[in-house]
C-alpha atoms as a PDB file:
ATOM      1  CA  MET A   1      78.025  18.056  40.510  1.00  0.00           C
ATOM      2  CA  SER A   2      74.394  18.201  39.554  1.00  0.00           C
ATOM      3  CA  LYS A   3      71.463  16.555  41.082  1.00  0.00           C
ATOM      4  CA  SER A   4      68.173  15.346  39.495  1.00  0.00           C
ATOM      5  CA  ILE A   5      65.069  16.176  41.399  1.00  0.00           C
ATOM      6  CA  TYR A   6      61.728  14.374  41.068  1.00  0.00           C
ATOM      7  CA  VAL A   7      58.702  16.699  41.254  1.00  0.00           C
ATOM      8  CA  GLY A   8      55.327  14.917  41.799  1.00  0.00           C
ATOM      9  CA  ASN A   9      51.755  16.082  42.076  1.00  0.00           C
ATOM     10  CA  LEU A  10      52.260  18.954  39.639  1.00  0.00           C
ATOM     11  CA  PRO A  11      49.228  20.803  38.358  1.00  0.00           C
ATOM     12  CA  PHE A  12      48.336  19.354  34.999  1.00  0.00           C
ATOM     13  CA  ALA A  13      48.545  22.771  33.379  1.00  0.00           C
ATOM     14  CA  PHE A  14      52.299  22.987  34.174  1.00  0.00           C
ATOM     15  CA  GLY A  15      54.765  22.853  31.338  1.00  0.00           C
ATOM     16  CA  ASN A  16      58.517  22.926  31.238  1.00  0.00           C
ATOM     17  CA  GLU A  17      58.749  26.707  31.511  1.00  0.00           C
ATOM     18  CA  GLN A  18      56.565  26.852  34.710  1.00  0.00           C
ATOM     19  CA  LEU A  19      58.575  24.091  36.287  1.00  0.00           C
ATOM     20  CA  SER A  20      61.816  25.843  35.491  1.00  0.00           C
ATOM     21  CA  GLU A  21      60.434  29.118  36.898  1.00  0.00           C
ATOM     22  CA  LEU A  22      59.360  27.515  40.117  1.00  0.00           C
ATOM     23  CA  PHE A  23      62.864  26.265  40.831  1.00  0.00           C
ATOM     24  CA  ALA A  24      64.772  29.247  39.492  1.00  0.00           C
ATOM     25  CA  GLU A  25      64.645  31.151  42.755  1.00  0.00           C
ATOM     26  CA  PHE A  26      66.898  28.513  44.263  1.00  0.00           C
ATOM     27  CA  GLY A  27      69.614  28.576  41.697  1.00  0.00           C
ATOM     28  CA  GLU A  28      70.427  27.890  38.145  1.00  0.00           C
ATOM     29  CA  VAL A  29      68.064  25.336  36.487  1.00  0.00           C
ATOM     30  CA  LYS A  30      70.071  23.145  34.074  1.00  0.00           C
ATOM     31  CA  SER A  31      66.984  21.412  32.772  1.00  0.00           C
ATOM     32  CA  ALA A  32      63.320  21.087  33.634  1.00  0.00           C
ATOM     33  CA  LYS A  33      61.047  18.556  31.932  1.00  0.00           C
ATOM     34  CA  VAL A  34      57.512  17.752  32.619  1.00  0.00           C
ATOM     35  CA  VAL A  35      56.565  14.202  31.568  1.00  0.00           C
ATOM     36  CA  PHE A  36      53.688  14.060  29.044  1.00  0.00           C
ATOM     37  CA  ASP A  37      51.665  11.024  27.869  1.00  0.00           C
ATOM     38  CA  ARG A  38      52.718  10.236  24.292  1.00  0.00           C
ATOM     39  CA  ASP A  39      49.214   9.365  23.150  1.00  0.00           C
ATOM     40  CA  SER A  40      47.198  12.228  24.659  1.00  0.00           C
ATOM     41  CA  ASN A  41      49.951  14.689  24.922  1.00  0.00           C
ATOM     42  CA  ARG A  42      48.681  15.553  28.448  1.00  0.00           C
ATOM     43  CA  SER A  43      50.858  16.042  31.460  1.00  0.00           C
ATOM     44  CA  LYS A  44      51.196  13.039  33.708  1.00  0.00           C
ATOM     45  CA  GLY A  45      51.556  15.313  36.717  1.00  0.00           C
ATOM     46  CA  PHE A  46      55.266  14.835  37.389  1.00  0.00           C
ATOM     47  CA  GLY A  47      58.598  15.915  36.086  1.00  0.00           C
ATOM     48  CA  PHE A  48      62.309  16.258  36.634  1.00  0.00           C
ATOM     49  CA  VAL A  49      64.630  19.249  37.407  1.00  0.00           C
ATOM     50  CA  GLU A  50      68.368  19.253  37.278  1.00  0.00           C
ATOM     51  CA  MET A  51      70.363  21.746  39.387  1.00  0.00           C
ATOM     52  CA  ASP A  52      73.682  21.845  41.126  1.00  0.00           C
ATOM     53  CA  ASP A  53      73.833  19.969  44.472  1.00  0.00           C
ATOM     54  CA  GLU A  54      73.528  23.025  46.815  1.00  0.00           C
ATOM     55  CA  ALA A  55      70.618  24.581  44.954  1.00  0.00           C
ATOM     56  CA  ALA A  56      68.946  21.274  44.694  1.00  0.00           C
ATOM     57  CA  GLU A  57      68.936  20.714  48.364  1.00  0.00           C
ATOM     58  CA  LYS A  58      67.549  24.189  48.952  1.00  0.00           C
ATOM     59  CA  ALA A  59      64.795  23.655  46.475  1.00  0.00           C
ATOM     60  CA  ILE A  60      63.821  20.241  47.890  1.00  0.00           C
ATOM     61  CA  GLN A  61      63.632  21.563  51.442  1.00  0.00           C
ATOM     62  CA  SER A  62      61.607  24.636  50.358  1.00  0.00           C
ATOM     63  CA  LEU A  63      59.215  23.097  47.790  1.00  0.00           C
ATOM     64  CA  ASN A  64      58.398  19.599  49.225  1.00  0.00           C
ATOM     65  CA  GLY A  65      54.859  19.821  50.481  1.00  0.00           C
ATOM     66  CA  LYS A  66      54.325  23.405  49.060  1.00  0.00           C
ATOM     67  CA  ASN A  67      50.776  24.090  47.715  1.00  0.00           C
ATOM     68  CA  VAL A  68      50.927  25.026  44.007  1.00  0.00           C
ATOM     69  CA  GLY A  69      47.712  25.136  42.084  1.00  0.00           C
ATOM     70  CA  ASN A  70      45.853  23.485  45.008  1.00  0.00           C
ATOM     71  CA  ARG A  71      48.169  20.514  44.893  1.00  0.00           C
ATOM     72  CA  ALA A  72      50.874  19.669  47.539  1.00  0.00           C
ATOM     73  CA  LEU A  73      54.111  19.012  45.568  1.00  0.00           C
ATOM     74  CA  ARG A  74      56.208  15.969  46.315  1.00  0.00           C
ATOM     75  CA  VAL A  75      59.854  16.987  45.782  1.00  0.00           C
ATOM     76  CA  ASN A  76      62.808  14.714  46.425  1.00  0.00           C
ATOM     77  CA  GLU A  77      66.041  13.605  44.861  1.00  0.00           C
ATOM     78  CA  SER A  78      65.171  11.263  41.979  1.00  0.00           C
ATOM     79  CA  GLN A  79      66.205   7.641  42.226  1.00  0.00           C
ATOM     80  CA  PRO A  80      67.519   5.547  39.269  1.00  0.00           C
ATOM     81  CA  ARG A  81      64.824   3.843  37.289  1.00  0.00           C
ATOM     82  CA  GLU A  82      64.472   0.228  38.209  1.00  0.00           C
ATOM     83  CA  GLN A  83      65.016  -2.462  35.609  1.00  0.00           C
ATOM     84  CA  ARG A  84      61.861  -4.169  34.771  1.00  0.00           C
ATOM     85  CA  PRO A  85      61.566  -7.638  33.331  1.00  0.00           C
ATOM     86  CA  PRO A  86      60.419  -7.826  29.661  1.00  0.00           C
ATOM     87  CA  ARG A  87      56.645  -7.926  29.281  1.00  0.00           C
ATOM     88  CA  GLN A  88      55.228 -11.387  28.494  1.00  0.00           C
ATOM     89  CA  GLY A  89      52.420 -11.875  26.041  1.00  0.00           C
ATOM     90  CA  GLY A  90      51.391  -8.309  25.208  1.00  0.00           C
ATOM     91  CA  GLY A  91      47.916  -8.537  23.647  1.00  0.00           C
ATOM     92  CA  GLY A  92      48.634  -7.895  20.003  1.00  0.00           C
ATOM     93  CA  TYR A  93      46.793  -9.612  17.232  1.00  0.00           C
ATOM     94  CA  GLY A  94      49.671 -12.200  16.861  1.00  0.00           C
ATOM     95  CA  ASN A  95      48.797 -13.655  20.261  1.00  0.00           C
ATOM     96  CA  ARG A  96      45.378 -14.951  19.428  1.00  0.00           C
ATOM     97  CA  ARG A  97      44.796 -18.626  19.360  1.00  0.00           C
ATOM     98  CA  GLY A  98      42.270 -20.190  17.271  1.00  0.00           C
END
């Protein structure tokens, strides 16, 4: 089985490769993805890593709170994304009244 790991408070200069390298010492990294803003293409400061269960547990224990680039990482097992209700209104031009 594999486990998805949430990694928060990443240095903004980190990309997928640096994230993968950070976790590689604990086992095989199946995937590593830093989340980027689609408009500015800048890192949002968090990402996700997928590893097998045993390696993931070691990585979480070792890296949570570790100082990387003057930032204390937040590392834990990722949780499923909560379903959000559809947005009301929105703010486009079609919502103006006259």
